[in-house]
């Protein structure tokens, strides 16, 4: 099983990034997917989650209206479009897979760093 994140980097406040998480080794279309983030010295927080069919979505209050989670089951990939980025969005972003929507995560990626700074 592999989850490989990409798309992180350094961006100015107000900018945008699109994260991708490519999955392999399991039946992607049967798993709910989530994005989490962890800032230095803080706990890991759920950012967004999407069910296996992409029809049920959850966002943390802090990112509602700015971030969009989506998935392409044909390409075994989940995305996180991040707009209007703020310095407080700086963190390592990781994707996870779970057979249950909003579950604790059975499989995890290594994460990608997002830094929002001028």
N, C-alpha and C. Protein backbone atom coordinates (compact mmCIF):
# COMPACT_ATOMS: atom_id res chain seq x y z
N UNK A 1 0.84 -1.20 0.00
CA UNK A 1 0.00 0.00 0.00
C UNK A 1 0.88 1.25 0.00
N UNK A 2 0.53 2.18 -0.85
CA UNK A 2 1.26 3.45 -0.90
C UNK A 2 0.30 4.61 -1.08
N UNK A 3 0.56 5.67 -0.33
CA UNK A 3 -0.09 6.96 -0.53
C UNK A 3 1.03 7.98 -0.67
N UNK A 4 1.07 8.64 -1.81
CA UNK A 4 2.16 9.57 -2.09
C UNK A 4 1.59 10.95 -2.38
N UNK A 5 1.90 11.89 -1.47
CA UNK A 5 1.44 13.26 -1.62
C UNK A 5 2.42 14.07 -2.46
N UNK A 6 1.88 15.07 -3.15
CA UNK A 6 2.70 16.00 -3.91
C UNK A 6 1.96 17.32 -4.01
N UNK A 7 2.70 18.36 -4.42
CA UNK A 7 2.08 19.65 -4.65
C UNK A 7 2.32 20.69 -3.58
N UNK A 8 2.99 20.31 -2.51
CA UNK A 8 3.29 21.29 -1.48
C UNK A 8 4.37 22.26 -1.92
N UNK A 9 4.60 23.26 -1.07
CA UNK A 9 5.64 24.23 -1.38
C UNK A 9 5.46 25.51 -0.61
N UNK A 10 6.17 26.53 -1.04
CA UNK A 10 6.12 27.85 -0.42
C UNK A 10 5.21 28.75 -1.26
N UNK A 11 4.26 29.41 -0.61
CA UNK A 11 3.33 30.29 -1.31
C UNK A 11 3.08 31.52 -0.46
N UNK A 12 2.81 32.64 -1.10
CA UNK A 12 2.52 33.88 -0.37
C UNK A 12 1.09 33.85 0.16
N UNK A 13 0.84 34.59 1.22
CA UNK A 13 -0.54 34.70 1.71
C UNK A 13 -1.48 35.15 0.60
N UNK A 14 -2.65 34.52 0.54
CA UNK A 14 -3.61 34.79 -0.51
C UNK A 14 -3.44 33.91 -1.74
N UNK A 15 -2.36 33.17 -1.78
CA UNK A 15 -2.09 32.32 -2.93
C UNK A 15 -2.82 30.99 -2.87
N UNK A 16 -2.52 30.15 -3.85
CA UNK A 16 -3.20 28.85 -3.97
C UNK A 16 -2.19 27.73 -4.20
N UNK A 17 -2.57 26.56 -3.76
CA UNK A 17 -1.83 25.33 -4.05
C UNK A 17 -2.83 24.21 -4.25
N UNK A 18 -2.44 23.23 -5.03
CA UNK A 18 -3.25 22.04 -5.21
C UNK A 18 -2.42 20.81 -4.83
N UNK A 19 -2.85 20.14 -3.79
CA UNK A 19 -2.19 18.92 -3.35
C UNK A 19 -2.82 17.71 -4.01
N UNK A 20 -1.97 16.73 -4.30
CA UNK A 20 -2.44 15.45 -4.85
C UNK A 20 -1.96 14.32 -3.96
N UNK A 21 -2.73 13.26 -3.93
CA UNK A 21 -2.35 12.06 -3.19
C UNK A 21 -2.65 10.87 -4.08
N UNK A 22 -1.60 10.23 -4.56
CA UNK A 22 -1.74 9.08 -5.46
C UNK A 22 -1.71 7.80 -4.64
N UNK A 23 -2.71 6.96 -4.83
CA UNK A 23 -2.85 5.74 -4.04
C UNK A 23 -2.58 4.50 -4.89
N UNK A 24 -2.05 3.48 -4.23
CA UNK A 24 -1.84 2.20 -4.89
C UNK A 24 -1.81 1.10 -3.84
N UNK A 25 -2.10 -0.12 -4.28
CA UNK A 25 -2.01 -1.26 -3.39
C UNK A 25 -3.28 -1.63 -2.66
N UNK A 26 -4.35 -0.89 -2.90
CA UNK A 26 -5.64 -1.21 -2.31
C UNK A 26 -6.74 -0.71 -3.25
N UNK A 27 -7.96 -1.11 -2.97
CA UNK A 27 -9.08 -0.75 -3.85
C UNK A 27 -9.52 0.66 -3.49
N UNK A 28 -8.94 1.62 -4.18
CA UNK A 28 -9.11 3.04 -3.85
C UNK A 28 -10.59 3.43 -3.81
N UNK A 29 -11.36 2.93 -4.77
CA UNK A 29 -12.75 3.35 -4.88
C UNK A 29 -13.62 2.84 -3.73
N UNK A 30 -13.08 1.96 -2.90
CA UNK A 30 -13.82 1.43 -1.75
C UNK A 30 -13.47 2.14 -0.44
N UNK A 31 -12.56 3.08 -0.51
CA UNK A 31 -12.08 3.74 0.70
C UNK A 31 -12.45 5.21 0.71
N UNK A 32 -12.83 5.69 1.89
CA UNK A 32 -12.93 7.12 2.12
C UNK A 32 -11.52 7.69 2.23
N UNK A 33 -11.38 8.94 1.85
CA UNK A 33 -10.07 9.60 1.88
C UNK A 33 -10.16 10.88 2.68
N UNK A 34 -9.06 11.20 3.34
CA UNK A 34 -9.03 12.41 4.16
C UNK A 34 -7.69 13.11 4.00
N UNK A 35 -7.71 14.40 4.25
CA UNK A 35 -6.50 15.20 4.37
C UNK A 35 -6.40 15.69 5.81
N UNK A 36 -5.20 15.54 6.37
CA UNK A 36 -4.90 16.04 7.70
C UNK A 36 -3.73 17.01 7.59
N UNK A 37 -3.54 17.80 8.63
CA UNK A 37 -2.36 18.65 8.68
C UNK A 37 -1.84 18.73 10.10
N UNK A 38 -0.54 18.93 10.20
CA UNK A 38 0.10 19.07 11.50
C UNK A 38 1.12 20.18 11.44
N UNK A 39 0.89 21.20 12.24
CA UNK A 39 1.83 22.30 12.35
C UNK A 39 2.83 21.99 13.46
N UNK A 40 4.01 22.62 13.43
CA UNK A 40 5.02 22.35 14.46
C UNK A 40 4.48 22.60 15.86
N UNK A 41 4.65 21.62 16.73
CA UNK A 41 4.22 21.77 18.12
C UNK A 41 2.74 21.61 18.35
N UNK A 42 2.01 21.23 17.31
CA UNK A 42 0.56 21.08 17.44
C UNK A 42 0.14 19.66 17.07
N UNK A 43 -1.09 19.32 17.46
CA UNK A 43 -1.64 18.01 17.12
C UNK A 43 -2.04 17.97 15.65
N UNK A 44 -2.15 16.78 15.14
CA UNK A 44 -2.63 16.60 13.77
C UNK A 44 -4.14 16.81 13.74
N UNK A 45 -4.59 17.61 12.78
CA UNK A 45 -6.01 17.96 12.67
C UNK A 45 -6.56 17.51 11.32
N UNK A 46 -7.81 17.09 11.34
CA UNK A 46 -8.51 16.77 10.11
C UNK A 46 -8.83 18.06 9.36
N UNK A 47 -8.49 18.08 8.08
CA UNK A 47 -8.76 19.25 7.24
C UNK A 47 -10.02 19.02 6.41
N UNK A 48 -10.07 17.87 5.74
CA UNK A 48 -11.20 17.57 4.86
C UNK A 48 -11.29 16.06 4.65
N UNK A 49 -12.51 15.59 4.40
CA UNK A 49 -12.74 14.17 4.16
C UNK A 49 -13.78 14.01 3.07
N UNK A 50 -13.65 12.92 2.32
CA UNK A 50 -14.60 12.63 1.25
C UNK A 50 -14.89 11.13 1.27
N UNK A 51 -16.15 10.76 1.07
CA UNK A 51 -16.46 9.35 1.11
C UNK A 51 -16.01 8.66 -0.18
N UNK A 52 -16.22 7.36 -0.25
CA UNK A 52 -15.64 6.58 -1.34
C UNK A 52 -16.16 7.00 -2.72
N UNK A 53 -17.39 7.48 -2.77
CA UNK A 53 -17.97 7.87 -4.05
C UNK A 53 -17.84 9.36 -4.33
N UNK A 54 -17.31 10.09 -3.36
CA UNK A 54 -17.13 11.51 -3.54
C UNK A 54 -18.39 12.33 -3.33
N UNK A 55 -19.40 11.74 -2.71
CA UNK A 55 -20.69 12.43 -2.58
C UNK A 55 -20.88 13.07 -1.21
N UNK A 56 -20.14 12.63 -0.23
CA UNK A 56 -20.24 13.19 1.11
C UNK A 56 -18.90 13.78 1.50
N UNK A 57 -18.92 15.04 1.91
CA UNK A 57 -17.69 15.77 2.16
C UNK A 57 -17.80 16.52 3.49
N UNK A 58 -16.68 16.57 4.18
CA UNK A 58 -16.59 17.31 5.43
C UNK A 58 -15.38 18.24 5.37
N UNK A 59 -15.54 19.44 5.93
CA UNK A 59 -14.42 20.38 6.03
C UNK A 59 -14.31 20.86 7.47
N UNK A 60 -13.08 21.07 7.90
CA UNK A 60 -12.86 21.77 9.16
C UNK A 60 -13.36 23.21 9.00
N UNK A 61 -13.87 23.77 10.08
CA UNK A 61 -14.40 25.14 10.01
C UNK A 61 -13.34 26.13 9.52
N UNK A 62 -12.10 25.88 9.86
CA UNK A 62 -11.02 26.82 9.54
C UNK A 62 -10.73 26.90 8.05
N UNK A 63 -11.19 25.92 7.27
CA UNK A 63 -10.88 25.92 5.83
C UNK A 63 -12.12 26.00 4.95
N UNK A 64 -13.29 26.00 5.55
CA UNK A 64 -14.53 26.07 4.76
C UNK A 64 -14.55 27.31 3.88
N UNK A 65 -14.92 27.11 2.63
CA UNK A 65 -14.99 28.21 1.69
C UNK A 65 -13.66 28.52 1.01
N UNK A 66 -12.58 27.91 1.51
CA UNK A 66 -11.25 28.17 0.92
C UNK A 66 -10.64 26.90 0.30
N UNK A 67 -10.89 25.75 0.92
CA UNK A 67 -10.32 24.49 0.45
C UNK A 67 -11.42 23.63 -0.18
N UNK A 68 -11.01 22.83 -1.16
CA UNK A 68 -11.94 21.89 -1.81
C UNK A 68 -11.27 20.53 -1.95
N UNK A 69 -11.92 19.52 -1.43
CA UNK A 69 -11.42 18.15 -1.59
C UNK A 69 -12.19 17.49 -2.73
N UNK A 70 -11.47 16.71 -3.52
CA UNK A 70 -12.11 15.97 -4.61
C UNK A 70 -11.32 14.70 -4.86
N UNK A 71 -11.90 13.79 -5.60
CA UNK A 71 -11.22 12.53 -5.90
C UNK A 71 -11.54 12.09 -7.31
N UNK A 72 -10.59 11.35 -7.88
CA UNK A 72 -10.77 10.77 -9.20
C UNK A 72 -10.53 9.27 -9.04
N UNK A 73 -11.58 8.51 -8.94
CA UNK A 73 -11.43 7.07 -8.69
C UNK A 73 -10.82 6.34 -9.88
N UNK A 74 -10.94 6.91 -11.06
CA UNK A 74 -10.32 6.29 -12.23
C UNK A 74 -8.79 6.41 -12.18
N UNK A 75 -8.32 7.45 -11.49
CA UNK A 75 -6.88 7.69 -11.40
C UNK A 75 -6.31 7.41 -10.01
N UNK A 76 -7.17 6.88 -9.12
CA UNK A 76 -6.72 6.54 -7.75
C UNK A 76 -6.04 7.72 -7.07
N UNK A 77 -6.65 8.88 -7.19
CA UNK A 77 -6.03 10.10 -6.67
C UNK A 77 -7.07 10.96 -5.96
N UNK A 78 -6.66 11.54 -4.85
CA UNK A 78 -7.48 12.52 -4.15
C UNK A 78 -6.72 13.85 -4.15
N UNK A 79 -7.48 14.93 -4.24
CA UNK A 79 -6.90 16.26 -4.36
C UNK A 79 -7.37 17.16 -3.23
N UNK A 80 -6.58 18.18 -2.97
CA UNK A 80 -6.98 19.24 -2.05
C UNK A 80 -6.60 20.56 -2.69
N UNK A 81 -7.59 21.28 -3.19
CA UNK A 81 -7.37 22.60 -3.74
C UNK A 81 -7.44 23.61 -2.61
N UNK A 82 -6.38 24.36 -2.43
CA UNK A 82 -6.30 25.31 -1.32
C UNK A 82 -6.17 26.72 -1.88
N UNK A 83 -7.15 27.54 -1.62
CA UNK A 83 -7.16 28.94 -2.08
C UNK A 83 -7.13 29.88 -0.89
N UNK A 84 -6.82 31.12 -1.16
CA UNK A 84 -6.79 32.16 -0.11
C UNK A 84 -5.98 31.69 1.09
N UNK A 85 -4.81 31.18 0.83
CA UNK A 85 -4.00 30.60 1.90
C UNK A 85 -3.56 31.67 2.90
N UNK A 86 -3.48 31.23 4.16
CA UNK A 86 -3.09 32.10 5.26
C UNK A 86 -1.84 31.53 5.93
N UNK A 87 -1.08 32.35 6.62
CA UNK A 87 0.10 31.83 7.33
C UNK A 87 -0.25 30.69 8.29
N UNK A 88 -1.42 30.74 8.88
CA UNK A 88 -1.83 29.68 9.81
C UNK A 88 -2.15 28.36 9.13
N UNK A 89 -2.15 28.34 7.80
CA UNK A 89 -2.31 27.08 7.07
C UNK A 89 -0.98 26.33 6.93
N UNK A 90 0.10 26.94 7.35
CA UNK A 90 1.41 26.31 7.27
C UNK A 90 1.44 25.04 8.11
N UNK A 91 1.80 23.92 7.46
CA UNK A 91 1.79 22.62 8.15
C UNK A 91 2.28 21.56 7.17
N UNK A 92 2.50 20.37 7.71
CA UNK A 92 2.68 19.19 6.87
C UNK A 92 1.31 18.59 6.62
N UNK A 93 0.98 18.42 5.35
CA UNK A 93 -0.33 17.88 4.96
C UNK A 93 -0.17 16.42 4.54
N UNK A 94 -1.01 15.58 5.11
CA UNK A 94 -0.96 14.15 4.82
C UNK A 94 -2.33 13.65 4.41
N UNK A 95 -2.33 12.67 3.52
CA UNK A 95 -3.59 12.04 3.17
C UNK A 95 -3.69 10.69 3.87
N UNK A 96 -4.91 10.27 4.09
CA UNK A 96 -5.15 8.97 4.71
C UNK A 96 -6.33 8.29 4.05
N UNK A 97 -6.36 6.97 4.16
CA UNK A 97 -7.43 6.16 3.60
C UNK A 97 -8.04 5.31 4.70
N UNK A 98 -9.35 5.19 4.69
CA UNK A 98 -10.05 4.37 5.67
C UNK A 98 -11.30 3.79 5.00
N UNK A 99 -11.61 2.57 5.37
CA UNK A 99 -12.81 1.97 4.79
C UNK A 99 -14.07 2.67 5.29
N UNK A 100 -13.94 3.38 6.41
CA UNK A 100 -15.07 4.12 6.96
C UNK A 100 -14.88 5.60 6.78
N UNK A 101 -15.92 6.29 6.33
CA UNK A 101 -15.90 7.74 6.19
C UNK A 101 -15.64 8.37 7.55
N UNK A 102 -14.70 9.28 7.60
CA UNK A 102 -14.31 9.96 8.84
C UNK A 102 -13.67 9.00 9.85
N UNK A 103 -13.20 7.86 9.36
CA UNK A 103 -12.51 6.92 10.23
C UNK A 103 -11.12 7.42 10.59
N UNK A 104 -10.44 6.71 11.49
CA UNK A 104 -9.15 7.18 12.01
C UNK A 104 -7.99 7.06 11.03
N UNK A 105 -8.18 6.34 9.93
CA UNK A 105 -7.11 6.20 8.95
C UNK A 105 -6.39 4.88 9.06
N UNK A 106 -6.54 4.05 8.05
CA UNK A 106 -5.86 2.75 8.03
C UNK A 106 -4.50 2.86 7.32
N UNK A 107 -4.46 3.70 6.33
CA UNK A 107 -3.23 3.91 5.57
C UNK A 107 -2.92 5.40 5.54
N UNK A 108 -1.61 5.71 5.57
CA UNK A 108 -1.17 7.11 5.63
C UNK A 108 -0.03 7.36 4.65
N UNK A 109 -0.01 8.57 4.11
CA UNK A 109 1.12 9.01 3.33
C UNK A 109 2.17 9.66 4.22
N UNK A 110 3.29 10.03 3.62
CA UNK A 110 4.40 10.62 4.37
C UNK A 110 4.22 12.11 4.60
N UNK A 111 3.39 12.73 3.79
CA UNK A 111 3.12 14.15 3.98
C UNK A 111 3.89 15.04 3.02
N UNK A 112 3.36 16.24 2.83
CA UNK A 112 4.02 17.26 2.02
C UNK A 112 3.93 18.59 2.75
N UNK A 113 5.03 19.33 2.73
CA UNK A 113 5.10 20.58 3.49
C UNK A 113 4.43 21.71 2.72
N UNK A 114 3.57 22.44 3.39
CA UNK A 114 2.98 23.66 2.85
C UNK A 114 3.39 24.81 3.76
N UNK A 115 4.03 25.81 3.17
CA UNK A 115 4.47 26.99 3.93
C UNK A 115 3.87 28.23 3.29
N UNK A 116 3.13 28.97 4.09
CA UNK A 116 2.51 30.21 3.62
C UNK A 116 3.22 31.38 4.29
N UNK A 117 3.95 32.13 3.51
CA UNK A 117 4.76 33.20 4.07
C UNK A 117 5.11 34.21 2.99
N UNK A 118 5.23 35.46 3.41
CA UNK A 118 5.66 36.50 2.49
C UNK A 118 7.17 36.70 2.56
